[in-house]
Amino acid sequence: MLLALAVKPSSSSIAPEARRNYGRITIFRRMSWQRSRRLWRQEPRPYAPNGAGFMDCPKDEIDAANERAAARLAKTPTAIAARYDRRIGRLVIDLSTGLSIAFRPHDAQGLEAAKPGQLAKIEISPSGFGLHFPDLDADLYLPGLLEGFLGSRQWMAAQLGRTGGRSTSAAKTAAARTNGKRGGRPKKKPHIPDAA
């Protein structure tokens, strides 16, 4: 068995005789499997071994939770296929219920600036709840999409604010004129801390 020791560059560290400081050089030395096993046993491990003795939850509760999860999964639609349709400019997701949903990619968080070539490769998670776009390193959560959430709360609020800022109305125009007659927006006063 080969053991790789990556030696960190340091001029002030005191290295044991078996390991010397050679800058960024990696030293390989042979180690027997018996010694490797002995070192593994001596090494402190911050985890508890697996087993029934270390679990607080009885087996019947675990079985009941698994049944509830299977029932919920049977009722929830999952993605079975996903593709980008260039003709209509939409991302189309086929669901296990036989329905398909389609939306514009730039309406979803992480896909705003995506080019059609980047949307060609879509991976569906094993559960069917997630869509991953490897070229963009973006993920979408299907239950959130079905509820109408195309991103996080913060992202959705920013999109709503951007849309609201672009809208015009008679009331908004009248308020802007009134502010203009008063000299425009009030200037911000610099904050000067009290010298006590």
Protein backbone atom coordinates (compact mmCIF):
# COMPACT_ATOMS: atom_id res chain seq x y z
CA MET A 1 0.00 0.00 0.00
CA LEU A 2 1.27 3.46 -0.84
CA LEU A 3 0.77 6.27 1.60
CA ALA A 4 0.91 9.81 0.26
CA LEU A 5 2.03 12.49 2.65
CA ALA A 6 1.52 16.02 1.41
CA VAL A 7 4.10 18.16 3.14
CA LYS A 8 3.10 21.74 3.74
CA PRO A 9 5.77 24.41 3.22
CA SER A 10 6.74 25.92 6.53
CA SER A 11 10.01 27.20 7.88
CA SER A 12 9.02 27.29 11.55
CA SER A 13 7.40 23.88 11.98
CA ILE A 14 9.24 21.03 13.64
CA ALA A 15 8.70 17.87 11.61
CA PRO A 16 9.16 14.38 13.05
CA GLU A 17 12.02 12.26 11.75
CA ALA A 18 9.74 10.15 9.51
CA ARG A 19 8.48 13.23 7.72
CA ARG A 20 10.68 16.11 6.66
CA ASN A 21 9.73 19.48 5.22
CA TYR A 22 10.62 19.52 1.51
CA GLY A 23 8.42 22.38 0.35
CA ARG A 24 5.65 21.28 -2.00
CA ILE A 25 7.11 17.83 -2.69
CA THR A 26 4.88 14.85 -1.94
CA ILE A 27 6.72 11.94 -0.34
CA PHE A 28 5.55 8.39 -1.05
CA ARG A 29 6.55 5.52 1.16
CA ARG A 30 5.45 1.93 1.29
CA MET A 31 3.37 0.77 4.22
CA SER A 32 2.20 -2.71 5.05
CA TRP A 33 -1.51 -3.34 5.36
CA GLN A 34 -0.99 -4.41 8.99
CA ARG A 35 0.57 -1.08 9.87
CA SER A 36 -2.11 0.76 7.89
CA ARG A 37 -4.85 -1.09 9.81
CA ARG A 38 -3.11 -0.41 13.14
CA LEU A 39 -2.88 3.31 12.36
CA TRP A 40 -6.53 3.35 11.28
CA ARG A 41 -7.57 1.82 14.63
CA GLN A 42 -5.56 4.40 16.58
CA GLU A 43 -7.00 7.35 14.70
CA PRO A 44 -9.87 9.09 16.59
CA ARG A 45 -13.18 8.98 14.75
CA PRO A 46 -15.90 11.57 15.52
CA TYR A 47 -18.76 9.30 14.49
CA ALA A 48 -20.63 6.47 16.15
CA PRO A 49 -20.60 3.01 14.57
CA ASN A 50 -23.76 1.95 12.76
CA GLY A 51 -26.13 -0.44 14.42
CA ALA A 52 -29.40 -0.89 16.23
CA GLY A 53 -27.77 -0.13 19.59
CA PHE A 54 -27.10 3.46 18.56
CA MET A 55 -30.50 4.31 17.08
CA ASP A 56 -33.25 5.77 19.26
CA CYS A 57 -36.03 5.13 16.76
CA PRO A 58 -37.77 1.73 16.77
CA LYS A 59 -38.03 -0.21 13.51
CA ASP A 60 -41.84 0.09 13.33
CA GLU A 61 -41.58 3.92 13.37
CA ILE A 62 -39.03 3.81 10.55
CA ASP A 63 -41.31 1.50 8.54
CA ALA A 64 -44.29 3.81 9.12
CA ALA A 65 -42.24 6.84 7.98
CA ASN A 66 -41.17 4.98 4.84
CA GLU A 67 -44.81 4.12 4.05
CA ARG A 68 -45.85 7.78 4.50
CA ALA A 69 -43.04 8.90 2.21
CA ALA A 70 -44.03 6.33 -0.45
CA ALA A 71 -47.69 7.46 -0.27
CA ARG A 72 -46.68 11.13 -0.61
CA LEU A 73 -44.39 10.28 -3.52
CA ALA A 74 -47.22 8.41 -5.27
CA LYS A 75 -49.45 11.52 -5.06
CA THR A 76 -46.81 14.06 -6.08
CA PRO A 77 -46.03 14.47 -9.78
CA THR A 78 -42.41 13.86 -10.75
CA ALA A 79 -40.45 14.80 -13.85
CA ILE A 80 -39.99 11.99 -16.35
CA ALA A 81 -38.58 14.09 -19.21
CA ALA A 82 -37.37 17.64 -19.72
CA ARG A 83 -36.26 19.52 -22.83
CA TYR A 84 -35.82 22.99 -24.24
CA ASP A 85 -38.09 23.65 -27.23
CA ARG A 86 -36.34 26.22 -29.45
CA ARG A 87 -39.42 26.67 -31.63
CA ILE A 88 -41.54 28.12 -28.83
CA GLY A 89 -38.62 29.27 -26.65
CA ARG A 90 -39.85 27.37 -23.60
CA LEU A 91 -38.54 24.78 -21.21
CA VAL A 92 -40.95 21.81 -21.31
CA ILE A 93 -41.19 19.32 -18.41
CA ASP A 94 -43.22 16.12 -18.84
CA LEU A 95 -44.73 14.90 -15.57
CA SER A 96 -45.57 11.41 -14.34
CA THR A 97 -49.25 12.39 -14.31
CA GLY A 98 -49.26 12.78 -18.10
CA LEU A 99 -49.27 16.59 -18.00
CA SER A 100 -46.54 18.86 -19.33
CA ILE A 101 -45.60 22.30 -18.07
CA ALA A 102 -43.76 24.92 -20.11
CA PHE A 103 -42.23 28.24 -19.09
CA ARG A 104 -39.71 30.75 -20.42
CA PRO A 105 -36.23 29.97 -19.09
CA HIS A 106 -35.40 33.61 -18.31
CA ASP A 107 -38.30 33.61 -15.81
CA ALA A 108 -36.50 31.07 -13.58
CA GLN A 109 -33.66 31.78 -11.16
CA GLY A 110 -30.30 30.69 -12.53
CA LEU A 111 -31.55 30.53 -16.13
CA GLU A 112 -32.02 34.27 -16.74
CA ALA A 113 -29.04 34.67 -19.08
CA ALA A 114 -29.04 31.13 -20.47
CA LYS A 115 -28.44 30.60 -24.16
CA PRO A 116 -30.37 27.87 -26.03
CA GLY A 117 -27.22 25.76 -26.36
CA GLN A 118 -26.76 25.77 -22.57
CA LEU A 119 -30.33 24.53 -22.06
CA ALA A 120 -29.89 21.50 -24.32
CA LYS A 121 -28.51 19.28 -21.55
CA ILE A 122 -30.90 18.73 -18.62
CA GLU A 123 -30.46 16.09 -15.92
CA ILE A 124 -33.39 14.83 -13.84
CA SER A 125 -32.66 13.76 -10.26
CA PRO A 126 -33.41 10.13 -9.31
CA SER A 127 -36.37 11.27 -7.20
CA GLY A 128 -37.79 13.23 -10.14
CA PHE A 129 -38.07 16.37 -8.01
CA GLY A 130 -34.97 18.16 -9.28
CA LEU A 131 -33.74 19.42 -12.64
CA HIS A 132 -30.04 20.16 -13.07
CA PHE A 133 -28.47 22.18 -15.88
CA PRO A 134 -24.79 21.16 -15.89
CA ASP A 135 -23.66 23.82 -18.37
CA LEU A 136 -25.08 26.55 -16.10
CA ASP A 137 -24.61 24.79 -12.74
CA ALA A 138 -28.23 25.65 -11.95
CA ASP A 139 -30.93 23.59 -10.25
CA LEU A 140 -34.72 23.84 -10.22
CA TYR A 141 -37.03 22.18 -7.69
CA LEU A 142 -40.11 20.71 -9.38
CA PRO A 143 -42.61 21.04 -6.46
CA GLY A 144 -41.66 24.72 -6.23
CA LEU A 145 -42.20 25.15 -9.98
CA LEU A 146 -45.62 23.56 -9.71
CA GLU A 147 -46.55 26.03 -6.97
CA GLY A 148 -45.45 28.92 -9.16
CA PHE A 149 -42.11 29.68 -7.49
CA LEU A 150 -39.43 30.08 -10.12
CA GLY A 151 -36.73 30.96 -7.58
CA SER A 152 -36.00 31.82 -3.96
CA ARG A 153 -38.12 34.36 -2.05
CA GLN A 154 -35.40 37.00 -2.31
CA TRP A 155 -35.03 36.49 -6.06
CA MET A 156 -38.80 36.56 -6.61
CA ALA A 157 -39.07 39.78 -4.57
CA ALA A 158 -36.31 41.39 -6.65
CA GLN A 159 -38.11 40.42 -9.87
CA LEU A 160 -41.38 41.84 -8.53
CA GLY A 161 -39.64 45.08 -7.50
CA ARG A 162 -37.99 45.40 -10.90
CA THR A 163 -41.36 44.99 -12.62
CA GLY A 164 -43.03 47.46 -10.24
CA GLY A 165 -40.31 50.05 -10.84
CA ARG A 166 -40.91 49.92 -14.60
CA SER A 167 -44.67 50.37 -14.36
CA THR A 168 -46.20 53.76 -15.00
CA SER A 169 -49.52 55.12 -13.91
CA ALA A 170 -51.28 58.47 -13.63
CA ALA A 171 -50.78 58.52 -9.85
CA LYS A 172 -47.05 57.78 -10.18
CA THR A 173 -46.66 60.53 -12.80
CA ALA A 174 -48.54 63.04 -10.60
CA ALA A 175 -46.38 62.19 -7.57
CA ALA A 176 -43.19 62.65 -9.61
CA ARG A 177 -44.38 66.07 -10.80
CA THR A 178 -45.25 67.14 -7.25
CA ASN A 179 -41.81 66.08 -6.03
CA GLY A 180 -40.25 67.97 -8.94
CA LYS A 181 -42.04 71.17 -7.97
CA ARG A 182 -40.70 70.81 -4.44
CA GLY A 183 -37.16 70.53 -5.72
CA GLY A 184 -36.96 66.82 -6.42
CA ARG A 185 -36.06 64.14 -3.98
CA PRO A 186 -34.77 65.36 -0.65
CA LYS A 187 -31.00 65.19 -0.30
CA LYS A 188 -29.60 62.63 2.09
CA LYS A 189 -27.95 64.25 5.07
CA PRO A 190 -24.61 62.73 6.05
CA HIS A 191 -24.59 61.04 9.43
CA ILE A 192 -22.15 62.71 11.78
CA PRO A 193 -21.57 60.78 15.00
CA ASP A 194 -21.70 62.72 18.28
CA ALA A 195 -18.24 63.39 19.70
CA ALA A 196 -18.80 62.69 23.38
